[in-house]
């Protein structure tokens, strides 16, 4: 399993718009054939802080996600709403075990 955890800091005035744009991206991402999870979390103590937990069966599946129209649309829509560049960290999922 190929997992990326992305941290996003959003300008306060764009939080609701960011959530809506991210919801649309989420709804399409979970339908991708290699997607296992696509969770979007908002920090309870600071609603401008988000974490995306993106799990794909393989690295190729994760790369295919970045080539989708819905990802491009999300990235372009939210670019100016971020307080700083988003930061993604890649992990190798140990469990559950994924059959490839």
C-alpha atoms as a PDB file:
ATOM      1  CA  UNK A   1       0.000   0.000   0.000  1.00  0.00           C
ATOM      2  CA  UNK A   2       1.258   3.458  -0.953  1.00  0.00           C
ATOM      3  CA  UNK A   3       0.115   6.201   1.437  1.00  0.00           C
ATOM      4  CA  UNK A   4       0.587   9.948   1.335  1.00  0.00           C
ATOM      5  CA  UNK A   5      -0.295  12.183   4.257  1.00  0.00           C
ATOM      6  CA  UNK A   6      -0.725  15.755   3.100  1.00  0.00           C
ATOM      7  CA  UNK A   7      -0.873  18.697   5.484  1.00  0.00           C
ATOM      8  CA  UNK A   8      -2.682  21.806   4.256  1.00  0.00           C
ATOM      9  CA  UNK A   9      -2.958  25.197   5.920  1.00  0.00           C
ATOM     10  CA  UNK A  10      -5.849  27.267   4.543  1.00  0.00           C
ATOM     11  CA  UNK A  11      -6.429  31.006   4.796  1.00  0.00           C
ATOM     12  CA  UNK A  12      -9.323  31.530   7.254  1.00  0.00           C
ATOM     13  CA  UNK A  13     -11.601  33.240   4.756  1.00  0.00           C
ATOM     14  CA  UNK A  14     -11.406  30.236   2.403  1.00  0.00           C
ATOM     15  CA  UNK A  15     -12.023  27.359   4.832  1.00  0.00           C
ATOM     16  CA  UNK A  16     -15.592  26.595   3.729  1.00  0.00           C
ATOM     17  CA  UNK A  17     -14.794  26.928   0.025  1.00  0.00           C
ATOM     18  CA  UNK A  18     -11.743  24.700   0.518  1.00  0.00           C
ATOM     19  CA  UNK A  19     -13.869  22.062   2.228  1.00  0.00           C
ATOM     20  CA  UNK A  20     -16.360  22.059  -0.641  1.00  0.00           C
ATOM     21  CA  UNK A  21     -13.665  21.832  -3.343  1.00  0.00           C
ATOM     22  CA  UNK A  22     -11.981  19.050  -1.380  1.00  0.00           C
ATOM     23  CA  UNK A  23     -15.273  17.183  -1.000  1.00  0.00           C
ATOM     24  CA  UNK A  24     -15.677  17.123  -4.775  1.00  0.00           C
ATOM     25  CA  UNK A  25     -12.117  15.831  -5.188  1.00  0.00           C
ATOM     26  CA  UNK A  26     -12.713  13.214  -2.477  1.00  0.00           C
ATOM     27  CA  UNK A  27     -15.923  11.925  -4.084  1.00  0.00           C
ATOM     28  CA  UNK A  28     -14.151  11.302  -7.380  1.00  0.00           C
ATOM     29  CA  UNK A  29     -10.902  10.022  -5.852  1.00  0.00           C
ATOM     30  CA  UNK A  30     -12.586   7.223  -3.895  1.00  0.00           C
ATOM     31  CA  UNK A  31     -13.944   5.895  -7.210  1.00  0.00           C
ATOM     32  CA  UNK A  32     -10.469   5.452  -8.711  1.00  0.00           C
ATOM     33  CA  UNK A  33      -9.665   1.782  -9.244  1.00  0.00           C
ATOM     34  CA  UNK A  34      -6.480   1.779  -7.133  1.00  0.00           C
ATOM     35  CA  UNK A  35      -7.821   3.914  -4.294  1.00  0.00           C
ATOM     36  CA  UNK A  36      -8.171   2.325  -0.876  1.00  0.00           C
ATOM     37  CA  UNK A  37      -8.831   5.428   1.277  1.00  0.00           C
ATOM     38  CA  UNK A  38      -9.078   9.138   0.723  1.00  0.00           C
ATOM     39  CA  UNK A  39      -9.826  10.785   4.059  1.00  0.00           C
ATOM     40  CA  UNK A  40      -9.899  14.512   4.677  1.00  0.00           C
ATOM     41  CA  UNK A  41      -9.525  15.628   8.291  1.00  0.00           C
ATOM     42  CA  UNK A  42      -9.927  19.087   9.804  1.00  0.00           C
ATOM     43  CA  UNK A  43      -8.075  19.924  13.019  1.00  0.00           C
ATOM     44  CA  UNK A  44     -10.592  20.461  15.829  1.00  0.00           C
ATOM     45  CA  UNK A  45      -8.451  23.094  17.555  1.00  0.00           C
ATOM     46  CA  UNK A  46      -7.686  25.076  14.388  1.00  0.00           C
ATOM     47  CA  UNK A  47     -10.199  24.786  11.526  1.00  0.00           C
ATOM     48  CA  UNK A  48      -7.687  26.204   9.030  1.00  0.00           C
ATOM     49  CA  UNK A  49      -5.563  23.039   9.304  1.00  0.00           C
ATOM     50  CA  UNK A  50      -6.314  19.926   7.255  1.00  0.00           C
ATOM     51  CA  UNK A  51      -4.781  16.515   6.725  1.00  0.00           C
ATOM     52  CA  UNK A  52      -5.449  14.342   3.693  1.00  0.00           C
ATOM     53  CA  UNK A  53      -4.847  10.603   4.141  1.00  0.00           C
ATOM     54  CA  UNK A  54      -4.539   9.106   0.666  1.00  0.00           C
ATOM     55  CA  UNK A  55      -3.995   5.350   0.361  1.00  0.00           C
ATOM     56  CA  UNK A  56      -3.524   3.608  -2.984  1.00  0.00           C
ATOM     57  CA  UNK A  57      -2.727  -0.002  -3.783  1.00  0.00           C
ATOM     58  CA  UNK A  58       0.472   0.965  -5.611  1.00  0.00           C
ATOM     59  CA  UNK A  59       2.647   3.963  -6.351  1.00  0.00           C
ATOM     60  CA  UNK A  60       1.409   3.806  -9.945  1.00  0.00           C
ATOM     61  CA  UNK A  61      -2.167   4.163  -8.695  1.00  0.00           C
ATOM     62  CA  UNK A  62      -1.163   7.240  -6.691  1.00  0.00           C
ATOM     63  CA  UNK A  63       0.560   8.711  -9.743  1.00  0.00           C
ATOM     64  CA  UNK A  64      -2.540   8.005 -11.841  1.00  0.00           C
ATOM     65  CA  UNK A  65      -4.567  10.025  -9.305  1.00  0.00           C
ATOM     66  CA  UNK A  66      -2.360  13.045  -9.973  1.00  0.00           C
ATOM     67  CA  UNK A  67      -3.181  12.754 -13.682  1.00  0.00           C
ATOM     68  CA  UNK A  68      -6.971  12.918 -13.197  1.00  0.00           C
ATOM     69  CA  UNK A  69      -9.113  15.859 -14.182  1.00  0.00           C
ATOM     70  CA  UNK A  70     -10.632  16.121 -10.703  1.00  0.00           C
ATOM     71  CA  UNK A  71      -7.173  16.386  -9.103  1.00  0.00           C
ATOM     72  CA  UNK A  72      -6.125  19.109 -11.576  1.00  0.00           C
ATOM     73  CA  UNK A  73      -9.364  20.989 -10.942  1.00  0.00           C
ATOM     74  CA  UNK A  74      -8.915  20.759  -7.152  1.00  0.00           C
ATOM     75  CA  UNK A  75      -5.259  21.823  -7.293  1.00  0.00           C
ATOM     76  CA  UNK A  76      -6.024  24.860  -9.458  1.00  0.00           C
ATOM     77  CA  UNK A  77      -9.108  25.860  -7.459  1.00  0.00           C
ATOM     78  CA  UNK A  78      -7.479  25.797  -4.021  1.00  0.00           C
ATOM     79  CA  UNK A  79      -3.982  27.051  -4.899  1.00  0.00           C
ATOM     80  CA  UNK A  80      -4.545  30.651  -3.786  1.00  0.00           C
ATOM     81  CA  UNK A  81      -6.520  29.604  -0.703  1.00  0.00           C
ATOM     82  CA  UNK A  82      -3.532  28.000   1.000  1.00  0.00           C
ATOM     83  CA  UNK A  83      -1.648  29.954   3.636  1.00  0.00           C
ATOM     84  CA  UNK A  84       1.531  28.058   2.715  1.00  0.00           C
ATOM     85  CA  UNK A  85       2.466  25.283   0.272  1.00  0.00           C
ATOM     86  CA  UNK A  86       0.938  21.913   1.124  1.00  0.00           C
ATOM     87  CA  UNK A  87       3.330  19.274   2.426  1.00  0.00           C
ATOM     88  CA  UNK A  88       3.029  15.607   1.530  1.00  0.00           C
ATOM     89  CA  UNK A  89       4.909  12.749   3.167  1.00  0.00           C
ATOM     90  CA  UNK A  90       4.927   9.279   1.616  1.00  0.00           C
ATOM     91  CA  UNK A  91       4.543   6.123   3.710  1.00  0.00           C
ATOM     92  CA  UNK A  92       4.547   2.440   2.858  1.00  0.00           C
ATOM     93  CA  UNK A  93       1.491   0.833   4.341  1.00  0.00           C
ATOM     94  CA  UNK A  94       2.211  -2.259   6.425  1.00  0.00           C
ATOM     95  CA  UNK A  95      -1.350  -3.300   7.291  1.00  0.00           C
ATOM     96  CA  UNK A  96      -3.717  -4.145   5.889  1.00  0.00           C
ATOM     97  CA  UNK A  97      -1.777  -6.230   3.408  1.00  0.00           C
ATOM     98  CA  UNK A  98      -2.764  -5.413  -0.159  1.00  0.00           C
ATOM     99  CA  UNK A  99      -2.917  -8.056  -2.864  1.00  0.00           C
ATOM    100  CA  UNK A 100      -1.547  -6.564  -6.075  1.00  0.00           C
END
